[in-house]
Amino acid sequence: QALVQDPKLVVLDEPTAGVDPEGSRQIRDLLLDLK
């Protein structure tokens, strides 16, 4: 939902809070893709 309008700036407050290691790795991969 944060990416729905294809923003130029993405602000994430604790995006991996409460997420298990596998989910955390998936979110990390998404961040690398944004980069």
PDB file of all heavy atoms in Angstrom:
ATOM      1  N   GLN A   1       0.830  -1.209   0.000  1.00  0.00           N
ATOM      2  CA  GLN A   1       0.000   0.000   0.000  1.00  0.00           C
ATOM      3  C   GLN A   1       0.861   1.255   0.000  1.00  0.00           C
ATOM      4  O   GLN A   1       0.472   2.288  -0.552  1.00  0.00           O
ATOM      5  CB  GLN A   1      -0.988   0.003   1.174  1.00  0.00           C
ATOM      6  CG  GLN A   1      -0.396   0.112   2.567  1.00  0.00           C
ATOM      7  CD  GLN A   1      -0.035   1.524   2.983  1.00  0.00           C
ATOM      8  OE1 GLN A   1      -0.605   2.493   2.476  1.00  0.00           O
ATOM      9  NE2 GLN A   1       0.923   1.648   3.899  1.00  0.00           N
ATOM     10  N   ALA A   2       2.047   1.183   0.612  1.00  0.00           N
ATOM     11  CA  ALA A   2       2.941   2.338   0.604  1.00  0.00           C
ATOM     12  C   ALA A   2       3.495   2.618  -0.795  1.00  0.00           C
ATOM     13  O   ALA A   2       3.907   3.734  -1.087  1.00  0.00           O
ATOM     14  CB  ALA A   2       4.094   2.116   1.583  1.00  0.00           C
ATOM     15  N   LEU A   3       3.483   1.592  -1.651  1.00  0.00           N
ATOM     16  CA  LEU A   3       4.049   1.728  -2.996  1.00  0.00           C
ATOM     17  C   LEU A   3       2.981   1.879  -4.074  1.00  0.00           C
ATOM     18  O   LEU A   3       3.315   1.962  -5.252  1.00  0.00           O
ATOM     19  CB  LEU A   3       4.907   0.499  -3.322  1.00  0.00           C
ATOM     20  CG  LEU A   3       6.098   0.230  -2.412  1.00  0.00           C
ATOM     21  CD1 LEU A   3       6.717  -1.125  -2.738  1.00  0.00           C
ATOM     22  CD2 LEU A   3       7.132   1.334  -2.558  1.00  0.00           C
ATOM     23  N   VAL A   4       1.708   1.933  -3.680  1.00  0.00           N
ATOM     24  CA  VAL A   4       0.629   1.821  -4.659  1.00  0.00           C
ATOM     25  C   VAL A   4       0.663   2.931  -5.705  1.00  0.00           C
ATOM     26  O   VAL A   4       0.382   2.702  -6.885  1.00  0.00           O
ATOM     27  CB  VAL A   4      -0.747   1.757  -3.946  1.00  0.00           C
ATOM     28  CG1 VAL A   4      -1.099   3.086  -3.307  1.00  0.00           C
ATOM     29  CG2 VAL A   4      -1.832   1.305  -4.905  1.00  0.00           C
ATOM     30  N   GLN A   5       1.044   4.167  -5.316  1.00  0.00           N
ATOM     31  CA  GLN A   5       1.066   5.260  -6.284  1.00  0.00           C
ATOM     32  C   GLN A   5       2.459   5.494  -6.857  1.00  0.00           C
ATOM     33  O   GLN A   5       2.740   6.534  -7.436  1.00  0.00           O
ATOM     34  CB  GLN A   5       0.514   6.555  -5.653  1.00  0.00           C
ATOM     35  CG  GLN A   5       1.522   7.368  -4.835  1.00  0.00           C
ATOM     36  CD  GLN A   5       1.710   6.869  -3.428  1.00  0.00           C
ATOM     37  OE1 GLN A   5       1.594   5.687  -3.149  1.00  0.00           O
ATOM     38  NE2 GLN A   5       2.009   7.784  -2.524  1.00  0.00           N
ATOM     39  N   ASP A   6       3.351   4.480  -6.707  1.00  0.00           N
ATOM     40  CA  ASP A   6       4.722   4.558  -7.212  1.00  0.00           C
ATOM     41  C   ASP A   6       5.430   5.818  -6.710  1.00  0.00           C
ATOM     42  O   ASP A   6       5.867   6.666  -7.494  1.00  0.00           O
ATOM     43  CB  ASP A   6       4.734   4.532  -8.740  1.00  0.00           C
ATOM     44  CG  ASP A   6       6.117   4.238  -9.312  1.00  0.00           C
ATOM     45  OD1 ASP A   6       6.940   3.635  -8.600  1.00  0.00           O
ATOM     46  OD2 ASP A   6       6.380   4.621 -10.471  1.00  0.00           O
ATOM     47  N   PRO A   7       5.573   5.952  -5.389  1.00  0.00           N
ATOM     48  CA  PRO A   7       6.133   7.185  -4.810  1.00  0.00           C
ATOM     49  C   PRO A   7       7.625   7.329  -5.072  1.00  0.00           C
ATOM     50  O   PRO A   7       8.332   6.346  -5.284  1.00  0.00           O
ATOM     51  CB  PRO A   7       5.859   7.013  -3.311  1.00  0.00           C
ATOM     52  CG  PRO A   7       5.888   5.530  -3.110  1.00  0.00           C
ATOM     53  CD  PRO A   7       5.273   4.948  -4.348  1.00  0.00           C
ATOM     54  N   LYS A   8       8.088   8.570  -5.019  1.00  0.00           N
ATOM     55  CA  LYS A   8       9.523   8.835  -5.151  1.00  0.00           C
ATOM     56  C   LYS A   8      10.251   8.620  -3.827  1.00  0.00           C
ATOM     57  O   LYS A   8      11.432   8.285  -3.806  1.00  0.00           O
ATOM     58  CB  LYS A   8       9.748  10.274  -5.632  1.00  0.00           C
ATOM     59  CG  LYS A   8       9.234  10.566  -7.019  1.00  0.00           C
ATOM     60  CD  LYS A   8       9.745  11.913  -7.518  1.00  0.00           C
ATOM     61  CE  LYS A   8       9.236  13.058  -6.684  1.00  0.00           C
ATOM     62  NZ  LYS A   8       9.714  14.373  -7.187  1.00  0.00           N
ATOM     63  N   LEU A   9       9.534   8.840  -2.714  1.00  0.00           N
ATOM     64  CA  LEU A   9      10.094   8.670  -1.373  1.00  0.00           C
ATOM     65  C   LEU A   9       9.242   7.672  -0.601  1.00  0.00           C
ATOM     66  O   LEU A   9       8.024   7.803  -0.548  1.00  0.00           O
ATOM     67  CB  LEU A   9      10.126  10.009  -0.629  1.00  0.00           C
ATOM     68  CG  LEU A   9      10.461   9.962   0.870  1.00  0.00           C
ATOM     69  CD1 LEU A   9      11.885   9.470   1.097  1.00  0.00           C
ATOM     70  CD2 LEU A   9      10.260  11.346   1.509  1.00  0.00           C
ATOM     71  N   VAL A  10       9.893   6.670  -0.001  1.00  0.00           N
ATOM     72  CA  VAL A  10       9.206   5.673   0.811  1.00  0.00           C
ATOM     73  C   VAL A  10       9.716   5.794   2.244  1.00  0.00           C
ATOM     74  O   VAL A  10      10.923   5.690   2.485  1.00  0.00           O
ATOM     75  CB  VAL A  10       9.443   4.247   0.277  1.00  0.00           C
ATOM     76  CG1 VAL A  10       8.643   3.237   1.083  1.00  0.00           C
ATOM     77  CG2 VAL A  10       9.070   4.156  -1.201  1.00  0.00           C
ATOM     78  N   VAL A  11       8.801   6.025   3.183  1.00  0.00           N
ATOM     79  CA  VAL A  11       9.145   6.179   4.597  1.00  0.00           C
ATOM     80  C   VAL A  11       8.607   4.962   5.352  1.00  0.00           C
ATOM     81  O   VAL A  11       7.399   4.698   5.324  1.00  0.00           O
ATOM     82  CB  VAL A  11       8.561   7.477   5.176  1.00  0.00           C
ATOM     83  CG1 VAL A  11       8.929   7.611   6.653  1.00  0.00           C
ATOM     84  CG2 VAL A  11       9.069   8.686   4.389  1.00  0.00           C
ATOM     85  N   LEU A  12       9.500   4.237   6.022  1.00  0.00           N
ATOM     86  CA  LEU A  12       9.134   2.984   6.682  1.00  0.00           C
ATOM     87  C   LEU A  12       9.548   3.038   8.153  1.00  0.00           C
ATOM     88  O   LEU A  12      10.728   3.179   8.461  1.00  0.00           O
ATOM     89  CB  LEU A  12       9.818   1.795   6.003  1.00  0.00           C
ATOM     90  CG  LEU A  12       9.657   1.693   4.477  1.00  0.00           C
ATOM     91  CD1 LEU A  12      10.533   0.562   3.933  1.00  0.00           C
ATOM     92  CD2 LEU A  12       8.201   1.469   4.114  1.00  0.00           C
ATOM     93  N   ASP A  13       8.564   2.924   9.033  1.00  0.00           N
ATOM     94  CA  ASP A  13       8.839   2.944  10.470  1.00  0.00           C
ATOM     95  C   ASP A  13       8.806   1.508  10.989  1.00  0.00           C
ATOM     96  O   ASP A  13       7.745   0.898  11.121  1.00  0.00           O
ATOM     97  CB  ASP A  13       7.784   3.793  11.185  1.00  0.00           C
ATOM     98  CG  ASP A  13       8.162   4.116  12.623  1.00  0.00           C
ATOM     99  OD1 ASP A  13       9.257   3.698  13.062  1.00  0.00           O
ATOM    100  OD2 ASP A  13       7.369   4.777  13.316  1.00  0.00           O
ATOM    101  N   GLU A  14       9.970   0.955  11.272  1.00  0.00           N
ATOM    102  CA  GLU A  14      10.114  -0.421  11.754  1.00  0.00           C
ATOM    103  C   GLU A  14       9.393  -1.423  10.835  1.00  0.00           C
ATOM    104  O   GLU A  14       8.465  -2.122  11.264  1.00  0.00           O
ATOM    105  CB  GLU A  14       9.588  -0.557  13.185  1.00  0.00           C
ATOM    106  CG  GLU A  14      10.318   0.283  14.215  1.00  0.00           C
ATOM    107  CD  GLU A  14      11.718  -0.238  14.524  1.00  0.00           C
ATOM    108  OE1 GLU A  14      12.042  -1.347  14.068  1.00  0.00           O
ATOM    109  OE2 GLU A  14      12.474   0.473  15.193  1.00  0.00           O
ATOM    110  N   PRO A  15       9.805  -1.534   9.572  1.00  0.00           N
ATOM    111  CA  PRO A  15       9.085  -2.418   8.639  1.00  0.00           C
ATOM    112  C   PRO A  15       9.172  -3.901   8.983  1.00  0.00           C
ATOM    113  O   PRO A  15       8.361  -4.683   8.488  1.00  0.00           O
ATOM    114  CB  PRO A  15       9.774  -2.128   7.298  1.00  0.00           C
ATOM    115  CG  PRO A  15      11.135  -1.638   7.671  1.00  0.00           C
ATOM    116  CD  PRO A  15      10.938  -0.856   8.939  1.00  0.00           C
ATOM    117  N   THR A  16      10.137  -4.296   9.810  1.00  0.00           N
ATOM    118  CA  THR A  16      10.274  -5.718  10.160  1.00  0.00           C
ATOM    119  C   THR A  16       9.892  -6.002  11.606  1.00  0.00           C
ATOM    120  O   THR A  16      10.230  -7.058  12.141  1.00  0.00           O
ATOM    121  CB  THR A  16      11.720  -6.189   9.921  1.00  0.00           C
ATOM    122  OG1 THR A  16      12.619  -5.317  10.616  1.00  0.00           O
ATOM    123  CG2 THR A  16      12.061  -6.170   8.439  1.00  0.00           C
ATOM    124  N   ALA A  17       9.180  -5.078  12.249  1.00  0.00           N
ATOM    125  CA  ALA A  17       8.792  -5.270  13.655  1.00  0.00           C
ATOM    126  C   ALA A  17       7.885  -6.482  13.804  1.00  0.00           C
ATOM    127  O   ALA A  17       6.848  -6.590  13.144  1.00  0.00           O
ATOM    128  CB  ALA A  17       8.075  -4.020  14.174  1.00  0.00           C
ATOM    129  N   GLY A  18       8.275  -7.421  14.667  1.00  0.00           N
ATOM    130  CA  GLY A  18       7.464  -8.598  14.944  1.00  0.00           C
ATOM    131  C   GLY A  18       7.445  -9.639  13.848  1.00  0.00           C
ATOM    132  O   GLY A  18       6.625 -10.553  13.877  1.00  0.00           O
ATOM    133  N   VAL A  19       8.341  -9.526  12.872  1.00  0.00           N
ATOM    134  CA  VAL A  19       8.363 -10.452  11.738  1.00  0.00           C
ATOM    135  C   VAL A  19       9.432 -11.517  11.976  1.00  0.00           C
ATOM    136  O   VAL A  19      10.517 -11.222  12.484  1.00  0.00           O
ATOM    137  CB  VAL A  19       8.664  -9.693  10.426  1.00  0.00           C
ATOM    138  CG1 VAL A  19       8.700 -10.636   9.240  1.00  0.00           C
ATOM    139  CG2 VAL A  19       7.598  -8.615  10.205  1.00  0.00           C
ATOM    140  N   ASP A  20       9.143 -12.774  11.596  1.00  0.00           N
ATOM    141  CA  ASP A  20      10.117 -13.844  11.779  1.00  0.00           C
ATOM    142  C   ASP A  20      11.271 -13.684  10.793  1.00  0.00           C
ATOM    143  O   ASP A  20      11.202 -12.879   9.854  1.00  0.00           O
ATOM    144  CB  ASP A  20       9.461 -15.219  11.633  1.00  0.00           C
ATOM    145  CG  ASP A  20       8.842 -15.442  10.257  1.00  0.00           C
ATOM    146  OD1 ASP A  20       9.389 -14.926   9.255  1.00  0.00           O
ATOM    147  OD2 ASP A  20       7.822 -16.140  10.161  1.00  0.00           O
ATOM    148  N   PRO A  21      12.396 -14.425  10.983  1.00  0.00           N
ATOM    149  CA  PRO A  21      13.564 -14.239  10.115  1.00  0.00           C
ATOM    150  C   PRO A  21      13.286 -14.397   8.623  1.00  0.00           C
ATOM    151  O   PRO A  21      13.838 -13.662   7.801  1.00  0.00           O
ATOM    152  CB  PRO A  21      14.543 -15.310  10.627  1.00  0.00           C
ATOM    153  CG  PRO A  21      14.188 -15.475  12.062  1.00  0.00           C
ATOM    154  CD  PRO A  21      12.698 -15.317  12.123  1.00  0.00           C
ATOM    155  N   GLU A  22      12.425 -15.345   8.254  1.00  0.00           N
ATOM    156  CA  GLU A  22      12.136 -15.533   6.834  1.00  0.00           C
ATOM    157  C   GLU A  22      11.378 -14.328   6.269  1.00  0.00           C
ATOM    158  O   GLU A  22      11.688 -13.827   5.187  1.00  0.00           O
ATOM    159  CB  GLU A  22      11.332 -16.810   6.603  1.00  0.00           C
ATOM    160  CG  GLU A  22      11.081 -17.093   5.122  1.00  0.00           C
ATOM    161  CD  GLU A  22      10.398 -18.432   4.894  1.00  0.00           C
ATOM    162  OE1 GLU A  22      10.100 -19.125   5.887  1.00  0.00           O
ATOM    163  OE2 GLU A  22      10.161 -18.781   3.734  1.00  0.00           O
ATOM    164  N   GLY A  23      10.372 -13.854   7.018  1.00  0.00           N
ATOM    165  CA  GLY A  23       9.637 -12.671   6.582  1.00  0.00           C
ATOM    166  C   GLY A  23      10.530 -11.445   6.540  1.00  0.00           C
ATOM    167  O   GLY A  23      10.405 -10.598   5.649  1.00  0.00           O
ATOM    168  N   SER A  24      11.446 -11.345   7.502  1.00  0.00           N
ATOM    169  CA  SER A  24      12.386 -10.238   7.522  1.00  0.00           C
ATOM    170  C   SER A  24      13.286 -10.254   6.298  1.00  0.00           C
ATOM    171  O   SER A  24      13.582  -9.204   5.709  1.00  0.00           O
ATOM    172  CB  SER A  24      13.236 -10.308   8.799  1.00  0.00           C
ATOM    173  OG  SER A  24      14.203  -9.290   8.816  1.00  0.00           O
ATOM    174  N   ARG A  25      13.715 -11.453   5.895  1.00  0.00           N
ATOM    175  CA  ARG A  25      14.555 -11.560   4.700  1.00  0.00           C
ATOM    176  C   ARG A  25      13.770 -11.158   3.446  1.00  0.00           C
ATOM    177  O   ARG A  25      14.314 -10.499   2.554  1.00  0.00           O
ATOM    178  CB  ARG A  25      15.082 -12.990   4.573  1.00  0.00           C
ATOM    179  CG  ARG A  25      15.891 -13.279   3.311  1.00  0.00           C
ATOM    180  CD  ARG A  25      17.103 -12.363   3.189  1.00  0.00           C
ATOM    181  NE  ARG A  25      18.027 -12.521   4.284  1.00  0.00           N
ATOM    182  CZ  ARG A  25      19.060 -13.357   4.272  1.00  0.00           C
ATOM    183  NH1 ARG A  25      19.296 -14.094   3.211  1.00  0.00           N
ATOM    184  NH2 ARG A  25      19.868 -13.429   5.312  1.00  0.00           N
ATOM    185  N   GLN A  26      12.495 -11.503   3.376  1.00  0.00           N
ATOM    186  CA  GLN A  26      11.678 -11.115   2.231  1.00  0.00           C
ATOM    187  C   GLN A  26      11.529  -9.600   2.147  1.00  0.00           C
ATOM    188  O   GLN A  26      11.605  -9.015   1.063  1.00  0.00           O
ATOM    189  CB  GLN A  26      10.303 -11.791   2.332  1.00  0.00           C
ATOM    190  CG  GLN A  26      10.346 -13.296   2.134  1.00  0.00           C
ATOM    191  CD  GLN A  26       9.022 -13.961   2.442  1.00  0.00           C
ATOM    192  OE1 GLN A  26       8.187 -13.412   3.152  1.00  0.00           O
ATOM    193  NE2 GLN A  26       8.812 -15.153   1.894  1.00  0.00           N
ATOM    194  N   ILE A  27      11.320  -8.962   3.301  1.00  0.00           N
ATOM    195  CA  ILE A  27      11.209  -7.506   3.325  1.00  0.00           C
ATOM    196  C   ILE A  27      12.541  -6.867   2.951  1.00  0.00           C
ATOM    197  O   ILE A  27      12.588  -5.863   2.239  1.00  0.00           O
ATOM    198  CB  ILE A  27      10.719  -7.034   4.710  1.00  0.00           C
ATOM    199  CG1 ILE A  27       9.281  -7.495   4.923  1.00  0.00           C
ATOM    200  CG2 ILE A  27      10.824  -5.520   4.840  1.00  0.00           C
ATOM    201  CD1 ILE A  27       8.738  -7.226   6.302  1.00  0.00           C
ATOM    202  N   ARG A  28      13.641  -7.451   3.409  1.00  0.00           N
ATOM    203  CA  ARG A  28      14.961  -6.948   3.030  1.00  0.00           C
ATOM    204  C   ARG A  28      15.138  -6.995   1.522  1.00  0.00           C
ATOM    205  O   ARG A  28      15.654  -6.056   0.893  1.00  0.00           O
ATOM    206  CB  ARG A  28      16.050  -7.774   3.702  1.00  0.00           C
ATOM    207  CG  ARG A  28      17.466  -7.244   3.464  1.00  0.00           C
ATOM    208  CD  ARG A  28      18.475  -8.349   3.323  1.00  0.00           C
ATOM    209  NE  ARG A  28      18.234  -9.163   2.142  1.00  0.00           N
ATOM    210  CZ  ARG A  28      19.080 -10.053   1.666  1.00  0.00           C
ATOM    211  NH1 ARG A  28      20.231 -10.247   2.269  1.00  0.00           N
ATOM    212  NH2 ARG A  28      18.798 -10.765   0.602  1.00  0.00           N
ATOM    213  N   ASP A  29      14.703  -8.092   0.899  1.00  0.00           N
ATOM    214  CA  ASP A  29      14.814  -8.218  -0.555  1.00  0.00           C
ATOM    215  C   ASP A  29      13.968  -7.157  -1.264  1.00  0.00           C
ATOM    216  O   ASP A  29      14.359  -6.627  -2.311  1.00  0.00           O
ATOM    217  CB  ASP A  29      14.390  -9.614  -1.000  1.00  0.00           C
ATOM    218  CG  ASP A  29      15.369 -10.692  -0.560  1.00  0.00           C
ATOM    219  OD1 ASP A  29      16.519 -10.336  -0.226  1.00  0.00           O
ATOM    220  OD2 ASP A  29      14.986 -11.877  -0.522  1.00  0.00           O
ATOM    221  N   LEU A  30      12.796  -6.843  -0.694  1.00  0.00           N
ATOM    222  CA  LEU A  30      11.965  -5.789  -1.268  1.00  0.00           C
ATOM    223  C   LEU A  30      12.667  -4.436  -1.189  1.00  0.00           C
ATOM    224  O   LEU A  30      12.607  -3.638  -2.129  1.00  0.00           O
ATOM    225  CB  LEU A  30      10.627  -5.724  -0.533  1.00  0.00           C
ATOM    226  CG  LEU A  30       9.629  -6.845  -0.815  1.00  0.00           C
ATOM    227  CD1 LEU A  30       8.429  -6.735   0.115  1.00  0.00           C
ATOM    228  CD2 LEU A  30       9.166  -6.798  -2.260  1.00  0.00           C
ATOM    229  N   LEU A  31      13.332  -4.177  -0.071  1.00  0.00           N
ATOM    230  CA  LEU A  31      14.059  -2.920   0.083  1.00  0.00           C
ATOM    231  C   LEU A  31      15.206  -2.826  -0.917  1.00  0.00           C
ATOM    232  O   LEU A  31      15.464  -1.760  -1.493  1.00  0.00           O
ATOM    233  CB  LEU A  31      14.588  -2.793   1.508  1.00  0.00           C
ATOM    234  CG  LEU A  31      13.529  -2.660   2.611  1.00  0.00           C
ATOM    235  CD1 LEU A  31      14.189  -2.630   3.984  1.00  0.00           C
ATOM    236  CD2 LEU A  31      12.684  -1.419   2.407  1.00  0.00           C
ATOM    237  N   LEU A  32      15.897  -3.943  -1.135  1.00  0.00           N
ATOM    238  CA  LEU A  32      16.972  -3.953  -2.129  1.00  0.00           C
ATOM    239  C   LEU A  32      16.419  -3.710  -3.531  1.00  0.00           C
ATOM    240  O   LEU A  32      17.058  -3.051  -4.355  1.00  0.00           O
ATOM    241  CB  LEU A  32      17.724  -5.289  -2.076  1.00  0.00           C
ATOM    242  CG  LEU A  32      18.590  -5.525  -0.831  1.00  0.00           C
ATOM    243  CD1 LEU A  32      19.147  -6.945  -0.832  1.00  0.00           C
ATOM    244  CD2 LEU A  32      19.729  -4.513  -0.769  1.00  0.00           C
ATOM    245  N   ASP A  33      15.223  -4.229  -3.795  1.00  0.00           N
ATOM    246  CA  ASP A  33      14.586  -4.001  -5.092  1.00  0.00           C
ATOM    247  C   ASP A  33      14.235  -2.528  -5.269  1.00  0.00           C
ATOM    248  O   ASP A  33      14.421  -1.957  -6.349  1.00  0.00           O
ATOM    249  CB  ASP A  33      13.334  -4.868  -5.222  1.00  0.00           C
ATOM    250  CG  ASP A  33      12.688  -4.760  -6.591  1.00  0.00           C
ATOM    251  OD1 ASP A  33      13.291  -5.271  -7.563  1.00  0.00           O
ATOM    252  OD2 ASP A  33      11.607  -4.154  -6.701  1.00  0.00           O
ATOM    253  N   LEU A  34      13.734  -1.891  -4.211  1.00  0.00           N
ATOM    254  CA  LEU A  34      13.443  -0.461  -4.265  1.00  0.00           C
ATOM    255  C   LEU A  34      14.713   0.339  -4.528  1.00  0.00           C
ATOM    256  O   LEU A  34      14.706   1.319  -5.277  1.00  0.00           O
ATOM    257  CB  LEU A  34      12.809   0.002  -2.951  1.00  0.00           C
ATOM    258  CG  LEU A  34      11.396  -0.491  -2.643  1.00  0.00           C
ATOM    259  CD1 LEU A  34      10.963  -0.019  -1.262  1.00  0.00           C
ATOM    260  CD2 LEU A  34      10.407  -0.015  -3.700  1.00  0.00           C
ATOM    261  N   LYS A  35      15.797  -0.104  -3.918  1.00  0.00           N
ATOM    262  CA  LYS A  35      17.087   0.564  -4.106  1.00  0.00           C
ATOM    263  C   LYS A  35      17.531   0.479  -5.569  1.00  0.00           C
ATOM    264  O   LYS A  35      17.998   1.463  -6.147  1.00  0.00           O
ATOM    265  CB  LYS A  35      18.121  -0.079  -3.183  1.00  0.00           C
ATOM    266  CG  LYS A  35      19.477   0.588  -3.168  1.00  0.00           C
ATOM    267  CD  LYS A  35      20.362  -0.066  -2.107  1.00  0.00           C
ATOM    268  CE  LYS A  35      21.715   0.617  -2.020  1.00  0.00           C
ATOM    269  NZ  LYS A  35      22.551   0.015  -0.949  1.00  0.00           N
TER     270      LYS A  35
END
